[in-house]
PDB file of N, CA and C in Angstrom:
ATOM      1  N   MET A   1      -5.467   3.256  -2.671  1.00  0.00           N
ATOM      2  CA  MET A   1      -5.732   4.660  -2.281  1.00  0.00           C
ATOM      3  C   MET A   1      -6.408   4.831  -0.910  1.00  0.00           C
ATOM      4  N   GLN A   2      -7.254   4.037  -0.882  1.00  0.00           N
ATOM      5  CA  GLN A   2      -7.893   3.834   0.351  1.00  0.00           C
ATOM      6  C   GLN A   2      -7.266   3.791   1.790  1.00  0.00           C
ATOM      7  N   TYR A   3      -6.179   2.568   1.547  1.00  0.00           N
ATOM      8  CA  TYR A   3      -5.497   2.416   2.457  1.00  0.00           C
ATOM      9  C   TYR A   3      -4.487   3.658   3.003  1.00  0.00           C
ATOM     10  N   TRP A   4      -3.941   3.881   2.153  1.00  0.00           N
ATOM     11  CA  TRP A   4      -3.336   5.305   1.987  1.00  0.00           C
ATOM     12  C   TRP A   4      -3.893   6.274   2.865  1.00  0.00           C
ATOM     13  N   ARG A   5      -5.344   6.668   2.416  1.00  0.00           N
ATOM     14  CA  ARG A   5      -6.050   7.597   3.309  1.00  0.00           C
ATOM     15  C   ARG A   5      -6.432   7.338   4.696  1.00  0.00           C
ATOM     16  N   GLU A   6      -6.593   6.087   4.758  1.00  0.00           N
ATOM     17  CA  GLU A   6      -7.190   5.575   6.355  1.00  0.00           C
ATOM     18  C   GLU A   6      -5.802   5.490   7.006  1.00  0.00           C
ATOM     19  N   ASN A   7      -4.734   5.478   6.614  1.00  0.00           N
ATOM     20  CA  ASN A   7      -3.456   5.666   7.501  1.00  0.00           C
ATOM     21  C   ASN A   7      -2.883   6.707   7.498  1.00  0.00           C
ATOM     22  N   GLY A   8      -3.416   7.759   6.719  1.00  0.00           N
ATOM     23  CA  GLY A   8      -2.989   9.174   7.074  1.00  0.00           C
ATOM     24  C   GLY A   8      -1.929   9.430   6.114  1.00  0.00           C
ATOM     25  N   VAL A   9      -1.590   8.606   5.115  1.00  0.00           N
ATOM     26  CA  VAL A   9      -0.152   9.076   4.101  1.00  0.00           C
ATOM     27  C   VAL A   9      -0.699   9.953   3.258  1.00  0.00           C
ATOM     28  N   VAL A  10      -1.926   9.863   2.622  1.00  0.00           N
ATOM     29  CA  VAL A  10      -2.219  10.785   1.503  1.00  0.00           C
ATOM     30  C   VAL A  10      -3.714  10.930   1.950  1.00  0.00           C
ATOM     31  N   VAL A  11      -4.090  12.410   2.531  1.00  0.00           N
ATOM     32  CA  VAL A  11      -5.406  12.689   2.937  1.00  0.00           C
ATOM     33  C   VAL A  11      -6.030  13.742   2.033  1.00  0.00           C
ATOM     34  N   PRO A  12      -7.221  13.514   1.326  1.00  0.00           N
ATOM     35  CA  PRO A  12      -7.633  14.465   0.383  1.00  0.00           C
ATOM     36  C   PRO A  12      -8.162  15.538   1.070  1.00  0.00           C
ATOM     37  N   VAL A  13      -7.410  17.019   0.276  1.00  0.00           N
ATOM     38  CA  VAL A  13      -7.864  17.983   0.718  1.00  0.00           C
ATOM     39  C   VAL A  13      -9.226  18.426   0.474  1.00  0.00           C
ATOM     40  N   ILE A  14      -9.957  18.060  -0.382  1.00  0.00           N
ATOM     41  CA  ILE A  14     -10.946  18.356  -0.764  1.00  0.00           C
ATOM     42  C   ILE A  14     -12.194  17.826  -0.017  1.00  0.00           C
ATOM     43  N   THR A  15     -12.312  16.520   0.039  1.00  0.00           N
ATOM     44  CA  THR A  15     -13.216  16.016   1.142  1.00  0.00           C
ATOM     45  C   THR A  15     -12.627  14.943   1.592  1.00  0.00           C
ATOM     46  N   GLU A  16     -12.581  14.441   2.799  1.00  0.00           N
ATOM     47  CA  GLU A  16     -12.143  13.381   3.413  1.00  0.00           C
ATOM     48  C   GLU A  16     -13.112  12.635   3.911  1.00  0.00           C
ATOM     49  N   THR A  17     -14.264  12.903   3.512  1.00  0.00           N
ATOM     50  CA  THR A  17     -15.557  11.562   3.936  1.00  0.00           C
ATOM     51  C   THR A  17     -16.114  11.030   2.659  1.00  0.00           C
ATOM     52  N   GLY A  18     -16.802  10.057   2.965  1.00  0.00           N
ATOM     53  CA  GLY A  18     -17.731   9.316   1.776  1.00  0.00           C
ATOM     54  C   GLY A  18     -16.671   7.875   1.490  1.00  0.00           C
ATOM     55  N   THR A  19     -17.386   7.609   0.910  1.00  0.00           N
ATOM     56  CA  THR A  19     -16.882   6.333   0.095  1.00  0.00           C
ATOM     57  C   THR A  19     -16.567   5.883  -1.523  1.00  0.00           C
ATOM     58  N   GLY A  20     -15.873   5.424  -2.050  1.00  0.00           N
ATOM     59  CA  GLY A  20     -15.845   5.250  -3.758  1.00  0.00           C
ATOM     60  C   GLY A  20     -15.578   6.650  -4.241  1.00  0.00           C
ATOM     61  N   ARG A  21     -16.216   6.696  -5.180  1.00  0.00           N
ATOM     62  CA  ARG A  21     -16.502   7.757  -6.162  1.00  0.00           C
ATOM     63  C   ARG A  21     -16.961   9.446  -5.318  1.00  0.00           C
ATOM     64  N   SER A  22     -17.150   9.467  -4.013  1.00  0.00           N
ATOM     65  CA  SER A  22     -17.574  10.714  -3.411  1.00  0.00           C
ATOM     66  C   SER A  22     -16.437  11.222  -2.557  1.00  0.00           C
ATOM     67  N   ILE A  23     -15.304  10.647  -2.849  1.00  0.00           N
ATOM     68  CA  ILE A  23     -13.820  11.264  -2.177  1.00  0.00           C
ATOM     69  C   ILE A  23     -13.381  11.660  -3.093  1.00  0.00           C
ATOM     70  N   TYR A  24     -12.869  13.040  -3.182  1.00  0.00           N
ATOM     71  CA  TYR A  24     -12.087  14.184  -4.255  1.00  0.00           C
ATOM     72  C   TYR A  24     -10.508  14.442  -3.490  1.00  0.00           C
ATOM     73  N   TYR A  25      -9.746  14.404  -4.243  1.00  0.00           N
ATOM     74  CA  TYR A  25      -8.479  14.370  -4.453  1.00  0.00           C
ATOM     75  C   TYR A  25      -8.124  15.668  -5.096  1.00  0.00           C
ATOM     76  N   SER A  26      -7.022  16.703  -4.477  1.00  0.00           N
ATOM     77  CA  SER A  26      -6.612  17.851  -5.092  1.00  0.00           C
ATOM     78  C   SER A  26      -5.377  17.210  -6.065  1.00  0.00           C
ATOM     79  N   GLU A  27      -4.969  18.360  -6.949  1.00  0.00           N
ATOM     80  CA  GLU A  27      -3.780  17.791  -7.704  1.00  0.00           C
ATOM     81  C   GLU A  27      -2.671  17.860  -6.991  1.00  0.00           C
ATOM     82  N   GLY A  28      -2.566  18.481  -5.656  1.00  0.00           N
ATOM     83  CA  GLY A  28      -1.152  18.327  -4.637  1.00  0.00           C
ATOM     84  C   GLY A  28      -1.319  16.785  -4.266  1.00  0.00           C
ATOM     85  N   ASN A  29      -2.655  16.415  -4.136  1.00  0.00           N
ATOM     86  CA  ASN A  29      -2.731  14.973  -3.688  1.00  0.00           C
ATOM     87  C   ASN A  29      -2.451  13.799  -4.520  1.00  0.00           C
ATOM     88  N   LEU A  30      -2.452  14.349  -5.728  1.00  0.00           N
ATOM     89  CA  LEU A  30      -1.833  13.282  -6.604  1.00  0.00           C
ATOM     90  C   LEU A  30      -0.317  13.300  -7.121  1.00  0.00           C
ATOM     91  N   VAL A  31       0.075  14.541  -6.729  1.00  0.00           N
ATOM     92  CA  VAL A  31       1.706  14.337  -6.737  1.00  0.00           C
ATOM     93  C   VAL A  31       1.891  13.600  -5.538  1.00  0.00           C
ATOM     94  N   GLU A  32       1.371  13.868  -4.171  1.00  0.00           N
ATOM     95  CA  GLU A  32       1.750  12.954  -3.225  1.00  0.00           C
ATOM     96  C   GLU A  32       1.836  11.308  -3.707  1.00  0.00           C
ATOM     97  N   PHE A  33       0.646  11.238  -4.386  1.00  0.00           N
ATOM     98  CA  PHE A  33       0.485   9.860  -4.633  1.00  0.00           C
ATOM     99  C   PHE A  33       1.578   9.141  -5.607  1.00  0.00           C
ATOM    100  N   ALA A  34       1.910  10.297  -6.638  1.00  0.00           N
ATOM    101  CA  ALA A  34       3.021  10.023  -7.687  1.00  0.00           C
ATOM    102  C   ALA A  34       4.348   9.728  -6.846  1.00  0.00           C
ATOM    103  N   ALA A  35       4.570  10.613  -6.114  1.00  0.00           N
ATOM    104  CA  ALA A  35       5.759  10.372  -5.171  1.00  0.00           C
ATOM    105  C   ALA A  35       5.913   9.185  -4.648  1.00  0.00           C
ATOM    106  N   MET A  36       4.584   8.610  -3.683  1.00  0.00           N
ATOM    107  CA  MET A  36       4.687   7.495  -3.272  1.00  0.00           C
ATOM    108  C   MET A  36       5.133   6.164  -3.982  1.00  0.00           C
ATOM    109  N   VAL A  37       4.327   6.062  -5.226  1.00  0.00           N
ATOM    110  CA  VAL A  37       4.616   5.309  -6.339  1.00  0.00           C
ATOM    111  C   VAL A  37       5.962   5.032  -6.623  1.00  0.00           C
ATOM    112  N   TYR A  38       6.222   6.120  -6.910  1.00  0.00           N
ATOM    113  CA  TYR A  38       7.856   6.319  -7.410  1.00  0.00           C
ATOM    114  C   TYR A  38       8.706   5.804  -6.412  1.00  0.00           C
ATOM    115  N   TRP A  39       8.828   6.241  -5.077  1.00  0.00           N
ATOM    116  CA  TRP A  39       9.768   5.706  -4.108  1.00  0.00           C
ATOM    117  C   TRP A  39       9.621   4.237  -3.998  1.00  0.00           C
ATOM    118  N   LEU A  40       8.467   3.793  -4.070  1.00  0.00           N
ATOM    119  CA  LEU A  40       7.958   2.435  -3.648  1.00  0.00           C
ATOM    120  C   LEU A  40       8.769   1.448  -5.012  1.00  0.00           C
ATOM    121  N   SER A  41       8.514   2.044  -6.116  1.00  0.00           N
ATOM    122  CA  SER A  41       8.987   1.511  -7.254  1.00  0.00           C
ATOM    123  C   SER A  41      10.531   1.381  -7.371  1.00  0.00           C
ATOM    124  N   VAL A  42      11.155   2.058  -6.671  1.00  0.00           N
ATOM    125  CA  VAL A  42      12.727   2.199  -6.508  1.00  0.00           C
ATOM    126  C   VAL A  42      13.344   1.790  -5.335  1.00  0.00           C
ATOM    127  N   GLY A  43      12.286   0.954  -4.834  1.00  0.00           N
ATOM    128  CA  GLY A  43      12.732  -0.075  -3.530  1.00  0.00           C
ATOM    129  C   GLY A  43      12.791   0.632  -2.038  1.00  0.00           C
ATOM    130  N   PHE A  44      12.007   1.993  -1.914  1.00  0.00           N
ATOM    131  CA  PHE A  44      11.865   2.175  -0.670  1.00  0.00           C
ATOM    132  C   PHE A  44      10.881   1.227   0.220  1.00  0.00           C
ATOM    133  N   THR A  45      10.794   1.179   1.230  1.00  0.00           N
ATOM    134  CA  THR A  45       9.792   0.536   1.980  1.00  0.00           C
ATOM    135  C   THR A  45       8.719   1.410   2.240  1.00  0.00           C
ATOM    136  N   PHE A  46       7.568   1.026   2.319  1.00  0.00           N
ATOM    137  CA  PHE A  46       6.362   1.901   2.559  1.00  0.00           C
ATOM    138  C   PHE A  46       6.537   2.776   3.999  1.00  0.00           C
ATOM    139  N   GLU A  47       7.304   2.409   4.795  1.00  0.00           N
ATOM    140  CA  GLU A  47       7.355   3.381   6.145  1.00  0.00           C
ATOM    141  C   GLU A  47       8.122   4.444   5.581  1.00  0.00           C
ATOM    142  N   VAL A  48       9.466   4.021   4.723  1.00  0.00           N
ATOM    143  CA  VAL A  48      10.445   4.871   4.443  1.00  0.00           C
ATOM    144  C   VAL A  48       9.774   5.950   3.818  1.00  0.00           C
ATOM    145  N   ALA A  49       9.066   5.610   2.639  1.00  0.00           N
ATOM    146  CA  ALA A  49       8.419   6.496   1.613  1.00  0.00           C
ATOM    147  C   ALA A  49       7.433   7.118   2.315  1.00  0.00           C
ATOM    148  N   ARG A  50       6.744   6.703   3.406  1.00  0.00           N
ATOM    149  CA  ARG A  50       5.905   7.606   4.019  1.00  0.00           C
ATOM    150  C   ARG A  50       6.690   8.503   5.097  1.00  0.00           C
ATOM    151  N   GLU A  51       7.710   8.480   5.704  1.00  0.00           N
ATOM    152  CA  GLU A  51       8.448   9.370   6.227  1.00  0.00           C
ATOM    153  C   GLU A  51       8.912  10.353   5.358  1.00  0.00           C
ATOM    154  N   VAL A  52       9.580  10.117   4.199  1.00  0.00           N
ATOM    155  CA  VAL A  52       9.914  11.254   3.389  1.00  0.00           C
ATOM    156  C   VAL A  52       9.092  11.747   2.997  1.00  0.00           C
ATOM    157  N   LEU A  53       7.797  11.408   2.837  1.00  0.00           N
ATOM    158  CA  LEU A  53       6.412  12.417   2.038  1.00  0.00           C
ATOM    159  C   LEU A  53       6.245  13.184   3.333  1.00  0.00           C
ATOM    160  N   LYS A  54       6.273  12.763   5.061  1.00  0.00           N
ATOM    161  CA  LYS A  54       5.976  13.278   5.750  1.00  0.00           C
ATOM    162  C   LYS A  54       6.894  14.587   6.106  1.00  0.00           C
ATOM    163  N   THR A  55       7.775  14.294   5.776  1.00  0.00           N
ATOM    164  CA  THR A  55       9.228  15.268   6.205  1.00  0.00           C
ATOM    165  C   THR A  55       9.019  16.319   5.112  1.00  0.00           C
ATOM    166  N   LEU A  56       8.899  15.857   3.667  1.00  0.00           N
ATOM    167  CA  LEU A  56       8.678  17.116   2.685  1.00  0.00           C
ATOM    168  C   LEU A  56       7.558  17.812   3.037  1.00  0.00           C
ATOM    169  N   LYS A  57       6.380  17.294   3.620  1.00  0.00           N
ATOM    170  CA  LYS A  57       5.138  18.158   3.627  1.00  0.00           C
ATOM    171  C   LYS A  57       5.770  18.840   4.831  1.00  0.00           C
ATOM    172  N   ASP A  58       5.992  18.536   5.809  1.00  0.00           N
ATOM    173  CA  ASP A  58       6.623  19.221   7.144  1.00  0.00           C
ATOM    174  C   ASP A  58       7.559  20.410   6.701  1.00  0.00           C
ATOM    175  N   GLN A  59       8.701  20.220   6.174  1.00  0.00           N
ATOM    176  CA  GLN A  59       9.810  21.045   5.964  1.00  0.00           C
ATOM    177  C   GLN A  59       9.512  22.142   4.660  1.00  0.00           C
ATOM    178  N   TYR A  60       8.842  21.443   3.839  1.00  0.00           N
ATOM    179  CA  TYR A  60       8.790  22.506   2.421  1.00  0.00           C
ATOM    180  C   TYR A  60       6.905  22.392   2.350  1.00  0.00           C
ATOM    181  N   PRO A  61       6.189  23.404   3.457  1.00  0.00           N
ATOM    182  CA  PRO A  61       4.902  23.371   2.942  1.00  0.00           C
ATOM    183  C   PRO A  61       4.493  23.943   1.654  1.00  0.00           C
ATOM    184  N   GLY A  62       3.561  23.379   1.109  1.00  0.00           N
ATOM    185  CA  GLY A  62       3.060  23.824  -0.355  1.00  0.00           C
ATOM    186  C   GLY A  62       3.768  23.408  -1.467  1.00  0.00           C
ATOM    187  N   LEU A  63       5.175  22.706  -1.144  1.00  0.00           N
ATOM    188  CA  LEU A  63       5.929  22.121  -2.217  1.00  0.00           C
ATOM    189  C   LEU A  63       5.163  20.970  -3.035  1.00  0.00           C
ATOM    190  N   LEU A  64       4.443  19.956  -2.505  1.00  0.00           N
ATOM    191  CA  LEU A  64       3.659  19.296  -3.297  1.00  0.00           C
ATOM    192  C   LEU A  64       2.577  19.417  -3.669  1.00  0.00           C
ATOM    193  N   ILE A  65       1.829  21.043  -3.393  1.00  0.00           N
ATOM    194  CA  ILE A  65       0.458  21.286  -3.881  1.00  0.00           C
ATOM    195  C   ILE A  65       1.117  21.868  -5.504  1.00  0.00           C
ATOM    196  N   ASP A  66       1.683  22.434  -5.860  1.00  0.00           N
ATOM    197  CA  ASP A  66       2.404  23.078  -7.005  1.00  0.00           C
ATOM    198  C   ASP A  66       3.103  21.972  -7.592  1.00  0.00           C
ATOM    199  N   ARG A  67       2.746  21.546  -8.703  1.00  0.00           N
ATOM    200  CA  ARG A  67       3.332  20.235  -9.585  1.00  0.00           C
ATOM    201  C   ARG A  67       4.751  20.808  -9.997  1.00  0.00           C
ATOM    202  N   SER A  68       4.813  22.056 -10.458  1.00  0.00           N
ATOM    203  CA  SER A  68       5.995  22.759 -11.054  1.00  0.00           C
ATOM    204  C   SER A  68       7.161  22.880 -10.142  1.00  0.00           C
ATOM    205  N   LYS A  69       6.739  23.343  -8.847  1.00  0.00           N
ATOM    206  CA  LYS A  69       7.581  23.172  -7.663  1.00  0.00           C
ATOM    207  C   LYS A  69       8.168  22.302  -7.420  1.00  0.00           C
ATOM    208  N   ALA A  70       7.527  20.773  -7.247  1.00  0.00           N
ATOM    209  CA  ALA A  70       7.648  19.683  -6.784  1.00  0.00           C
ATOM    210  C   ALA A  70       8.943  19.147  -8.291  1.00  0.00           C
ATOM    211  N   VAL A  71       8.571  19.535  -9.423  1.00  0.00           N
ATOM    212  CA  VAL A  71       9.711  18.953 -10.477  1.00  0.00           C
ATOM    213  C   VAL A  71      10.837  19.714 -10.273  1.00  0.00           C
ATOM    214  N   ASN A  72      10.540  21.239 -10.040  1.00  0.00           N
ATOM    215  CA  ASN A  72      12.032  21.941 -10.200  1.00  0.00           C
ATOM    216  C   ASN A  72      12.593  21.370  -8.579  1.00  0.00           C
ATOM    217  N   PHE A  73      12.032  21.206  -7.513  1.00  0.00           N
ATOM    218  CA  PHE A  73      12.841  20.622  -6.289  1.00  0.00           C
ATOM    219  C   PHE A  73      13.751  19.392  -6.690  1.00  0.00           C
ATOM    220  N   CYS A  74      13.079  18.348  -7.537  1.00  0.00           N
ATOM    221  CA  CYS A  74      13.253  16.992  -7.608  1.00  0.00           C
ATOM    222  C   CYS A  74      14.351  17.174  -8.567  1.00  0.00           C
ATOM    223  N   GLN A  75      14.261  18.075  -9.899  1.00  0.00           N
ATOM    224  CA  GLN A  75      15.307  18.605 -10.266  1.00  0.00           C
ATOM    225  C   GLN A  75      16.665  18.964  -9.785  1.00  0.00           C
ATOM    226  N   ARG A  76      16.367  20.022  -9.004  1.00  0.00           N
ATOM    227  CA  ARG A  76      17.596  20.328  -8.104  1.00  0.00           C
ATOM    228  C   ARG A  76      18.368  19.618  -7.221  1.00  0.00           C
ATOM    229  N   ALA A  77      17.231  18.641  -6.606  1.00  0.00           N
ATOM    230  CA  ALA A  77      18.051  17.766  -5.853  1.00  0.00           C
ATOM    231  C   ALA A  77      18.646  16.751  -6.382  1.00  0.00           C
ATOM    232  N   THR A  78      18.510  16.261  -7.634  1.00  0.00           N
ATOM    233  CA  THR A  78      18.726  14.978  -8.170  1.00  0.00           C
ATOM    234  C   THR A  78      19.897  15.367  -9.024  1.00  0.00           C
ATOM    235  N   GLY A  79      19.681  16.500  -9.966  1.00  0.00           N
ATOM    236  CA  GLY A  79      20.402  16.928 -11.122  1.00  0.00           C
ATOM    237  C   GLY A  79      20.046  16.540 -12.179  1.00  0.00           C
ATOM    238  N   ARG A  80      18.734  15.872 -12.140  1.00  0.00           N
ATOM    239  CA  ARG A  80      18.351  14.952 -13.369  1.00  0.00           C
ATOM    240  C   ARG A  80      16.835  15.631 -13.846  1.00  0.00           C
ATOM    241  N   SER A  81      16.772  15.940 -15.366  1.00  0.00           N
ATOM    242  CA  SER A  81      15.379  16.048 -15.850  1.00  0.00           C
ATOM    243  C   SER A  81      14.181  15.421 -15.487  1.00  0.00           C
ATOM    244  N   PHE A  82      13.217  15.919 -15.209  1.00  0.00           N
ATOM    245  CA  PHE A  82      11.910  14.933 -15.311  1.00  0.00           C
ATOM    246  C   PHE A  82      10.711  15.296 -15.984  1.00  0.00           C
TER     247      PHE A  82
END
């Protein structure tokens, strides 16, 4: 998490400063982490997963903030239930 934060992949929206326990992530940030972990687990390189996340955040603002929107988007895009 620290590496991803320091490299701007998942930036805490609640507080960006501090160390350890004083850094707080929103639910949307946790969805971003889950997406990254999933993409890495299915074989995406870190760079590709980072670009996919950036593209989703740029093209669909708010998508990853709301978990239900993210799940619905993924279901429509893949035709699979999550």
